């Protein structure tokens, strides 16, 4: 189960890269946006590039969390909670383009909190 959840965290990290490549113009097929908060806030390219960097940092955090989970490191849960919380904030900030991130981060947080008192997925079984 550890491997499955770690793979899910890495897949979520990959999805975060869309939030980075769009504002930075690194993929022609990913349109950049200049609005935040469901179009209520129009910002410039510089602000969107900063938001894009935050998407990238959170993606890296999810990969680090997955590595920590696989290595059974004591710090993987707090890193995952922080990454999911930041990701949830980004999902709301960049709504509606990132609408799918809300239930995904909700799922990640629910798994973490539901298993906080157990050894899963840290157990070897």
Foldseek 3Di string as FASTA:
>chain_A
DLLVVLVLLLVVLVVLLLLQCQLVVVDPVRHHAQAWQARPRGHDSVVSNVLSVLSNVLSVLSNVLSVCSVVLPPCSLVSLLVSLVSQCVSLNGHPPVNVVSNVSSVVSVCVCVVCVPDCPPVDPD
